[in-house]
Amino acid sequence: FTTNHIKLSIVILITALVAMGCSTSSSNNGSATI
């Protein structure tokens, strides 16, 4: 819960969500890509 820790957590989460969003758009809607 330090300031740097929270900032890093936010950066990691945003990166993960962006990556998921990009991959989701290219995935087959009848399946999930693992």
PDB file of all heavy atoms in Angstrom:
ATOM      1  N   PHE A   1       0.781  -1.215   0.000  1.00  0.00           N
ATOM      2  CA  PHE A   1       0.000   0.000   0.000  1.00  0.00           C
ATOM      3  C   PHE A   1       0.825   1.284   0.000  1.00  0.00           C
ATOM      4  O   PHE A   1       0.388   2.308   0.464  1.00  0.00           O
ATOM      5  CB  PHE A   1      -0.981   0.015   1.191  1.00  0.00           C
ATOM      6  CG  PHE A   1      -1.813  -1.208   1.253  1.00  0.00           C
ATOM      7  CD1 PHE A   1      -1.553  -2.194   2.203  1.00  0.00           C
ATOM      8  CD2 PHE A   1      -2.816  -1.430   0.326  1.00  0.00           C
ATOM      9  CE1 PHE A   1      -2.298  -3.340   2.239  1.00  0.00           C
ATOM     10  CE2 PHE A   1      -3.573  -2.577   0.363  1.00  0.00           C
ATOM     11  CZ  PHE A   1      -3.307  -3.531   1.315  1.00  0.00           C
ATOM     12  N   THR A   2       2.040   1.251  -0.493  1.00  0.00           N
ATOM     13  CA  THR A   2       2.788   2.480  -0.686  1.00  0.00           C
ATOM     14  C   THR A   2       2.352   3.097  -2.003  1.00  0.00           C
ATOM     15  O   THR A   2       1.738   2.457  -2.847  1.00  0.00           O
ATOM     16  CB  THR A   2       4.306   2.188  -0.748  1.00  0.00           C
ATOM     17  OG1 THR A   2       4.553   1.341  -1.868  1.00  0.00           O
ATOM     18  CG2 THR A   2       4.766   1.474   0.523  1.00  0.00           C
ATOM     19  N   THR A   3       2.706   4.357  -2.195  1.00  0.00           N
ATOM     20  CA  THR A   3       2.296   5.048  -3.417  1.00  0.00           C
ATOM     21  C   THR A   3       2.853   4.364  -4.650  1.00  0.00           C
ATOM     22  O   THR A   3       2.140   4.135  -5.634  1.00  0.00           O
ATOM     23  CB  THR A   3       2.782   6.503  -3.384  1.00  0.00           C
ATOM     24  OG1 THR A   3       2.203   7.138  -2.242  1.00  0.00           O
ATOM     25  CG2 THR A   3       2.350   7.242  -4.644  1.00  0.00           C
ATOM     26  N   ASN A   4       4.118   4.003  -4.614  1.00  0.00           N
ATOM     27  CA  ASN A   4       4.716   3.344  -5.782  1.00  0.00           C
ATOM     28  C   ASN A   4       4.074   2.004  -6.044  1.00  0.00           C
ATOM     29  O   ASN A   4       3.861   1.601  -7.190  1.00  0.00           O
ATOM     30  CB  ASN A   4       6.228   3.153  -5.564  1.00  0.00           C
ATOM     31  CG  ASN A   4       6.984   4.460  -5.636  1.00  0.00           C
ATOM     32  OD1 ASN A   4       6.507   5.425  -6.237  1.00  0.00           O
ATOM     33  ND2 ASN A   4       8.155   4.500  -5.016  1.00  0.00           N
ATOM     34  N   HIS A   5       3.732   1.293  -4.973  1.00  0.00           N
ATOM     35  CA  HIS A   5       3.105  -0.024  -5.135  1.00  0.00           C
ATOM     36  C   HIS A   5       1.762   0.116  -5.844  1.00  0.00           C
ATOM     37  O   HIS A   5       1.444  -0.641  -6.752  1.00  0.00           O
ATOM     38  CB  HIS A   5       2.917  -0.653  -3.756  1.00  0.00           C
ATOM     39  CG  HIS A   5       2.284  -2.008  -3.792  1.00  0.00           C
ATOM     40  ND1 HIS A   5       3.009  -3.153  -3.932  1.00  0.00           N
ATOM     41  CD2 HIS A   5       0.987  -2.380  -3.730  1.00  0.00           C
ATOM     42  CE1 HIS A   5       2.193  -4.182  -3.941  1.00  0.00           C
ATOM     43  NE2 HIS A   5       0.947  -3.731  -3.814  1.00  0.00           N
ATOM     44  N   ILE A   6       0.963   1.089  -5.397  1.00  0.00           N
ATOM     45  CA  ILE A   6      -0.350   1.283  -5.992  1.00  0.00           C
ATOM     46  C   ILE A   6      -0.215   1.694  -7.454  1.00  0.00           C
ATOM     47  O   ILE A   6      -0.939   1.224  -8.320  1.00  0.00           O
ATOM     48  CB  ILE A   6      -1.142   2.338  -5.196  1.00  0.00           C
ATOM     49  CG1 ILE A   6      -1.434   1.780  -3.786  1.00  0.00           C
ATOM     50  CG2 ILE A   6      -2.444   2.693  -5.898  1.00  0.00           C
ATOM     51  CD1 ILE A   6      -2.052   2.795  -2.855  1.00  0.00           C
ATOM     52  N   LYS A   7       0.729   2.598  -7.738  1.00  0.00           N
ATOM     53  CA  LYS A   7       0.940   3.017  -9.124  1.00  0.00           C
ATOM     54  C   LYS A   7       1.300   1.825  -9.998  1.00  0.00           C
ATOM     55  O   LYS A   7       0.785   1.668 -11.105  1.00  0.00           O
ATOM     56  CB  LYS A   7       2.048   4.071  -9.200  1.00  0.00           C
ATOM     57  CG  LYS A   7       1.626   5.442  -8.665  1.00  0.00           C
ATOM     58  CD  LYS A   7       2.770   6.425  -8.797  1.00  0.00           C
ATOM     59  CE  LYS A   7       2.360   7.816  -8.296  1.00  0.00           C
ATOM     60  NZ  LYS A   7       3.480   8.763  -8.395  1.00  0.00           N
ATOM     61  N   LEU A   8       2.203   0.977  -9.499  1.00  0.00           N
ATOM     62  CA  LEU A   8       2.621  -0.183 -10.282  1.00  0.00           C
ATOM     63  C   LEU A   8       1.443  -1.128 -10.499  1.00  0.00           C
ATOM     64  O   LEU A   8       1.248  -1.671 -11.587  1.00  0.00           O
ATOM     65  CB  LEU A   8       3.755  -0.923  -9.563  1.00  0.00           C
ATOM     66  CG  LEU A   8       4.278  -2.190 -10.255  1.00  0.00           C
ATOM     67  CD1 LEU A   8       4.734  -1.872 -11.680  1.00  0.00           C
ATOM     68  CD2 LEU A   8       5.420  -2.799  -9.458  1.00  0.00           C
ATOM     69  N   SER A   9       0.618  -1.309  -9.462  1.00  0.00           N
ATOM     70  CA  SER A   9      -0.550  -2.180  -9.585  1.00  0.00           C
ATOM     71  C   SER A   9      -1.482  -1.680 -10.670  1.00  0.00           C
ATOM     72  O   SER A   9      -2.015  -2.453 -11.464  1.00  0.00           O
ATOM     73  CB  SER A   9      -1.301  -2.234  -8.248  1.00  0.00           C
ATOM     74  OG  SER A   9      -0.461  -2.706  -7.237  1.00  0.00           O
ATOM     75  N   ILE A  10      -1.701  -0.349 -10.705  1.00  0.00           N
ATOM     76  CA  ILE A  10      -2.588   0.233 -11.701  1.00  0.00           C
ATOM     77  C   ILE A  10      -2.034   0.027 -13.098  1.00  0.00           C
ATOM     78  O   ILE A  10      -2.753  -0.336 -14.030  1.00  0.00           O
ATOM     79  CB  ILE A  10      -2.807   1.736 -11.413  1.00  0.00           C
ATOM     80  CG1 ILE A  10      -3.593   1.898 -10.099  1.00  0.00           C
ATOM     81  CG2 ILE A  10      -3.551   2.408 -12.564  1.00  0.00           C
ATOM     82  CD1 ILE A  10      -3.691   3.321  -9.632  1.00  0.00           C
ATOM     83  N   VAL A  11      -0.736   0.260 -13.257  1.00  0.00           N
ATOM     84  CA  VAL A  11      -0.107   0.082 -14.567  1.00  0.00           C
ATOM     85  C   VAL A  11      -0.253  -1.358 -15.042  1.00  0.00           C
ATOM     86  O   VAL A  11      -0.606  -1.632 -16.189  1.00  0.00           O
ATOM     87  CB  VAL A  11       1.386   0.479 -14.510  1.00  0.00           C
ATOM     88  CG1 VAL A  11       2.094   0.048 -15.794  1.00  0.00           C
ATOM     89  CG2 VAL A  11       1.525   1.981 -14.317  1.00  0.00           C
ATOM     90  N   ILE A  12       0.013  -2.303 -14.124  1.00  0.00           N
ATOM     91  CA  ILE A  12      -0.089  -3.721 -14.486  1.00  0.00           C
ATOM     92  C   ILE A  12      -1.510  -4.075 -14.883  1.00  0.00           C
ATOM     93  O   ILE A  12      -1.757  -4.761 -15.868  1.00  0.00           O
ATOM     94  CB  ILE A  12       0.362  -4.609 -13.305  1.00  0.00           C
ATOM     95  CG1 ILE A  12       1.874  -4.439 -13.076  1.00  0.00           C
ATOM     96  CG2 ILE A  12       0.060  -6.082 -13.577  1.00  0.00           C
ATOM     97  CD1 ILE A  12       2.375  -5.132 -11.823  1.00  0.00           C
ATOM     98  N   LEU A  13      -2.488  -3.585 -14.113  1.00  0.00           N
ATOM     99  CA  LEU A  13      -3.878  -3.909 -14.398  1.00  0.00           C
ATOM    100  C   LEU A  13      -4.323  -3.339 -15.724  1.00  0.00           C
ATOM    101  O   LEU A  13      -4.990  -4.001 -16.516  1.00  0.00           O
ATOM    102  CB  LEU A  13      -4.766  -3.383 -13.267  1.00  0.00           C
ATOM    103  CG  LEU A  13      -6.270  -3.642 -13.404  1.00  0.00           C
ATOM    104  CD1 LEU A  13      -6.543  -5.132 -13.559  1.00  0.00           C
ATOM    105  CD2 LEU A  13      -7.014  -3.080 -12.204  1.00  0.00           C
ATOM    106  N   ILE A  14      -3.958  -2.065 -15.992  1.00  0.00           N
ATOM    107  CA  ILE A  14      -4.333  -1.444 -17.261  1.00  0.00           C
ATOM    108  C   ILE A  14      -3.718  -2.201 -18.426  1.00  0.00           C
ATOM    109  O   ILE A  14      -4.370  -2.469 -19.437  1.00  0.00           O
ATOM    110  CB  ILE A  14      -3.889   0.039 -17.296  1.00  0.00           C
ATOM    111  CG1 ILE A  14      -4.740   0.843 -16.297  1.00  0.00           C
ATOM    112  CG2 ILE A  14      -4.045   0.620 -18.698  1.00  0.00           C
ATOM    113  CD1 ILE A  14      -4.290   2.278 -16.149  1.00  0.00           C
ATOM    114  N   THR A  15      -2.459  -2.588 -18.265  1.00  0.00           N
ATOM    115  CA  THR A  15      -1.783  -3.346 -19.328  1.00  0.00           C
ATOM    116  C   THR A  15      -2.498  -4.660 -19.598  1.00  0.00           C
ATOM    117  O   THR A  15      -2.726  -5.048 -20.741  1.00  0.00           O
ATOM    118  CB  THR A  15      -0.319  -3.640 -18.924  1.00  0.00           C
ATOM    119  OG1 THR A  15       0.331  -2.398 -18.704  1.00  0.00           O
ATOM    120  CG2 THR A  15       0.395  -4.402 -20.025  1.00  0.00           C
ATOM    121  N   ALA A  16      -2.887  -5.341 -18.492  1.00  0.00           N
ATOM    122  CA  ALA A  16      -3.577  -6.630 -18.651  1.00  0.00           C
ATOM    123  C   ALA A  16      -4.921  -6.460 -19.336  1.00  0.00           C
ATOM    124  O   ALA A  16      -5.308  -7.248 -20.190  1.00  0.00           O
ATOM    125  CB  ALA A  16      -3.761  -7.286 -17.276  1.00  0.00           C
ATOM    126  N   LEU A  17      -5.652  -5.402 -18.958  1.00  0.00           N
ATOM    127  CA  LEU A  17      -6.964  -5.181 -19.547  1.00  0.00           C
ATOM    128  C   LEU A  17      -6.866  -4.813 -21.019  1.00  0.00           C
ATOM    129  O   LEU A  17      -7.676  -5.260 -21.840  1.00  0.00           O
ATOM    130  CB  LEU A  17      -7.690  -4.063 -18.781  1.00  0.00           C
ATOM    131  CG  LEU A  17      -8.134  -4.425 -17.358  1.00  0.00           C
ATOM    132  CD1 LEU A  17      -8.706  -3.200 -16.658  1.00  0.00           C
ATOM    133  CD2 LEU A  17      -9.146  -5.549 -17.386  1.00  0.00           C
ATOM    134  N   VAL A  18      -5.865  -3.990 -21.357  1.00  0.00           N
ATOM    135  CA  VAL A  18      -5.672  -3.629 -22.760  1.00  0.00           C
ATOM    136  C   VAL A  18      -5.333  -4.852 -23.581  1.00  0.00           C
ATOM    137  O   VAL A  18      -5.872  -5.086 -24.665  1.00  0.00           O
ATOM    138  CB  VAL A  18      -4.550  -2.566 -22.899  1.00  0.00           C
ATOM    139  CG1 VAL A  18      -4.183  -2.379 -24.355  1.00  0.00           C
ATOM    140  CG2 VAL A  18      -5.014  -1.243 -22.304  1.00  0.00           C
ATOM    141  N   ALA A  19      -4.432  -5.684 -23.023  1.00  0.00           N
ATOM    142  CA  ALA A  19      -4.044  -6.905 -23.742  1.00  0.00           C
ATOM    143  C   ALA A  19      -5.230  -7.823 -23.924  1.00  0.00           C
ATOM    144  O   ALA A  19      -5.435  -8.412 -24.982  1.00  0.00           O
ATOM    145  CB  ALA A  19      -2.934  -7.623 -22.961  1.00  0.00           C
ATOM    146  N   MET A  20      -6.066  -7.937 -22.887  1.00  0.00           N
ATOM    147  CA  MET A  20      -7.240  -8.796 -22.988  1.00  0.00           C
ATOM    148  C   MET A  20      -8.219  -8.263 -24.020  1.00  0.00           C
ATOM    149  O   MET A  20      -8.799  -9.012 -24.785  1.00  0.00           O
ATOM    150  CB  MET A  20      -7.919  -8.910 -21.619  1.00  0.00           C
ATOM    151  CG  MET A  20      -9.125  -9.840 -21.625  1.00  0.00           C
ATOM    152  SD  MET A  20      -9.822 -10.112 -19.984  1.00  0.00           S
ATOM    153  CE  MET A  20      -8.548 -11.124 -19.283  1.00  0.00           C
ATOM    154  N   GLY A  21      -8.375  -6.939 -24.029  1.00  0.00           N
ATOM    155  CA  GLY A  21      -9.292  -6.337 -24.988  1.00  0.00           C
ATOM    156  C   GLY A  21      -8.852  -6.580 -26.412  1.00  0.00           C
ATOM    157  O   GLY A  21      -9.668  -6.909 -27.287  1.00  0.00           O
ATOM    158  N   CYS A  22      -7.555  -6.455 -26.663  1.00  0.00           N
ATOM    159  CA  CYS A  22      -7.038  -6.671 -28.016  1.00  0.00           C
ATOM    160  C   CYS A  22      -7.234  -8.114 -28.443  1.00  0.00           C
ATOM    161  O   CYS A  22      -7.662  -8.397 -29.556  1.00  0.00           O
ATOM    162  CB  CYS A  22      -5.550  -6.305 -28.063  1.00  0.00           C
ATOM    163  SG  CYS A  22      -5.226  -4.542 -27.850  1.00  0.00           S
ATOM    164  N   SER A  23      -6.919  -9.050 -27.530  1.00  0.00           N
ATOM    165  CA  SER A  23      -7.004 -10.452 -27.906  1.00  0.00           C
ATOM    166  C   SER A  23      -8.454 -10.893 -28.041  1.00  0.00           C
ATOM    167  O   SER A  23      -8.769 -11.749 -28.835  1.00  0.00           O
ATOM    168  CB  SER A  23      -6.279 -11.316 -26.871  1.00  0.00           C
ATOM    169  OG  SER A  23      -6.833 -11.117 -25.593  1.00  0.00           O
ATOM    170  N   THR A  24      -9.333 -10.292 -27.232  1.00  0.00           N
ATOM    171  CA  THR A  24     -10.734 -10.675 -27.300  1.00  0.00           C
ATOM    172  C   THR A  24     -11.326 -10.355 -28.659  1.00  0.00           C
ATOM    173  O   THR A  24     -12.083 -11.135 -29.228  1.00  0.00           O
ATOM    174  CB  THR A  24     -11.526  -9.953 -26.198  1.00  0.00           C
ATOM    175  OG1 THR A  24     -11.029 -10.368 -24.932  1.00  0.00           O
ATOM    176  CG2 THR A  24     -13.005 -10.278 -26.281  1.00  0.00           C
ATOM    177  N   SER A  25     -10.948  -9.218 -29.214  1.00  0.00           N
ATOM    178  CA  SER A  25     -11.527  -8.797 -30.485  1.00  0.00           C
ATOM    179  C   SER A  25     -11.145  -9.722 -31.622  1.00  0.00           C
ATOM    180  O   SER A  25     -11.845  -9.807 -32.620  1.00  0.00           O
ATOM    181  CB  SER A  25     -11.075  -7.364 -30.804  1.00  0.00           C
ATOM    182  OG  SER A  25      -9.673  -7.320 -30.972  1.00  0.00           O
ATOM    183  N   SER A  26     -10.039 -10.420 -31.470  1.00  0.00           N
ATOM    184  CA  SER A  26      -9.577 -11.305 -32.540  1.00  0.00           C
ATOM    185  C   SER A  26      -9.897 -12.768 -32.260  1.00  0.00           C
ATOM    186  O   SER A  26      -9.566 -13.636 -33.040  1.00  0.00           O
ATOM    187  CB  SER A  26      -8.058 -11.133 -32.723  1.00  0.00           C
ATOM    188  OG  SER A  26      -7.381 -11.476 -31.536  1.00  0.00           O
ATOM    189  N   SER A  27     -10.556 -13.043 -31.092  1.00  0.00           N
ATOM    190  CA  SER A  27     -10.829 -14.429 -30.728  1.00  0.00           C
ATOM    191  C   SER A  27     -12.074 -14.943 -31.424  1.00  0.00           C
ATOM    192  O   SER A  27     -12.948 -14.196 -31.815  1.00  0.00           O
ATOM    193  CB  SER A  27     -11.009 -14.536 -29.205  1.00  0.00           C
ATOM    194  OG  SER A  27      -9.828 -14.189 -28.549  1.00  0.00           O
ATOM    195  N   ASN A  28     -12.148 -16.243 -31.532  1.00  0.00           N
ATOM    196  CA  ASN A  28     -13.355 -16.891 -32.014  1.00  0.00           C
ATOM    197  C   ASN A  28     -14.410 -16.774 -30.925  1.00  0.00           C
ATOM    198  O   ASN A  28     -14.225 -17.231 -29.809  1.00  0.00           O
ATOM    199  CB  ASN A  28     -13.028 -18.366 -32.287  1.00  0.00           C
ATOM    200  CG  ASN A  28     -14.226 -19.113 -32.826  1.00  0.00           C
ATOM    201  OD1 ASN A  28     -15.343 -18.608 -32.837  1.00  0.00           O
ATOM    202  ND2 ASN A  28     -13.979 -20.335 -33.272  1.00  0.00           N
ATOM    203  N   ASN A  29     -15.571 -16.165 -31.255  1.00  0.00           N
ATOM    204  CA  ASN A  29     -16.600 -15.967 -30.252  1.00  0.00           C
ATOM    205  C   ASN A  29     -17.217 -17.272 -29.777  1.00  0.00           C
ATOM    206  O   ASN A  29     -17.955 -17.290 -28.796  1.00  0.00           O
ATOM    207  CB  ASN A  29     -17.689 -15.034 -30.792  1.00  0.00           C
ATOM    208  CG  ASN A  29     -17.216 -13.603 -30.891  1.00  0.00           C
ATOM    209  OD1 ASN A  29     -16.358 -13.190 -30.120  1.00  0.00           O
ATOM    210  ND2 ASN A  29     -17.772 -12.855 -31.832  1.00  0.00           N
ATOM    211  N   GLY A  30     -16.952 -18.381 -30.480  1.00  0.00           N
ATOM    212  CA  GLY A  30     -17.479 -19.669 -30.055  1.00  0.00           C
ATOM    213  C   GLY A  30     -16.540 -20.400 -29.125  1.00  0.00           C
ATOM    214  O   GLY A  30     -16.806 -21.540 -28.753  1.00  0.00           O
ATOM    215  N   SER A  31     -15.455 -19.773 -28.753  1.00  0.00           N
ATOM    216  CA  SER A  31     -14.507 -20.404 -27.850  1.00  0.00           C
ATOM    217  C   SER A  31     -13.667 -19.337 -27.160  1.00  0.00           C
ATOM    218  O   SER A  31     -13.662 -18.175 -27.557  1.00  0.00           O
ATOM    219  CB  SER A  31     -13.589 -21.374 -28.605  1.00  0.00           C
ATOM    220  OG  SER A  31     -12.813 -20.666 -29.557  1.00  0.00           O
ATOM    221  N   ALA A  32     -12.969 -19.756 -26.145  1.00  0.00           N
ATOM    222  CA  ALA A  32     -12.007 -18.884 -25.465  1.00  0.00           C
ATOM    223  C   ALA A  32     -10.607 -19.354 -25.814  1.00  0.00           C
ATOM    224  O   ALA A  32     -10.373 -20.553 -26.026  1.00  0.00           O
ATOM    225  CB  ALA A  32     -12.222 -18.937 -23.956  1.00  0.00           C
ATOM    226  N   THR A  33      -9.698 -18.414 -25.909  1.00  0.00           N
ATOM    227  CA  THR A  33      -8.301 -18.755 -26.194  1.00  0.00           C
ATOM    228  C   THR A  33      -7.542 -18.842 -24.879  1.00  0.00           C
ATOM    229  O   THR A  33      -7.444 -17.859 -24.142  1.00  0.00           O
ATOM    230  CB  THR A  33      -7.645 -17.698 -27.090  1.00  0.00           C
ATOM    231  OG1 THR A  33      -8.393 -17.590 -28.313  1.00  0.00           O
ATOM    232  CG2 THR A  33      -6.206 -18.075 -27.403  1.00  0.00           C
ATOM    233  N   ILE A  34      -7.018 -20.025 -24.592  1.00  0.00           N
ATOM    234  CA  ILE A  34      -6.265 -20.256 -23.360  1.00  0.00           C
ATOM    235  C   ILE A  34      -4.781 -20.283 -23.704  1.00  0.00           C
ATOM    236  O   ILE A  34      -4.332 -21.145 -24.461  1.00  0.00           O
ATOM    237  CB  ILE A  34      -6.670 -21.578 -22.686  1.00  0.00           C
ATOM    238  CG1 ILE A  34      -8.197 -21.703 -22.608  1.00  0.00           C
ATOM    239  CG2 ILE A  34      -6.032 -21.682 -21.319  1.00  0.00           C
ATOM    240  CD1 ILE A  34      -8.882 -20.603 -21.854  1.00  0.00           C
TER     241      ILE A  34
END
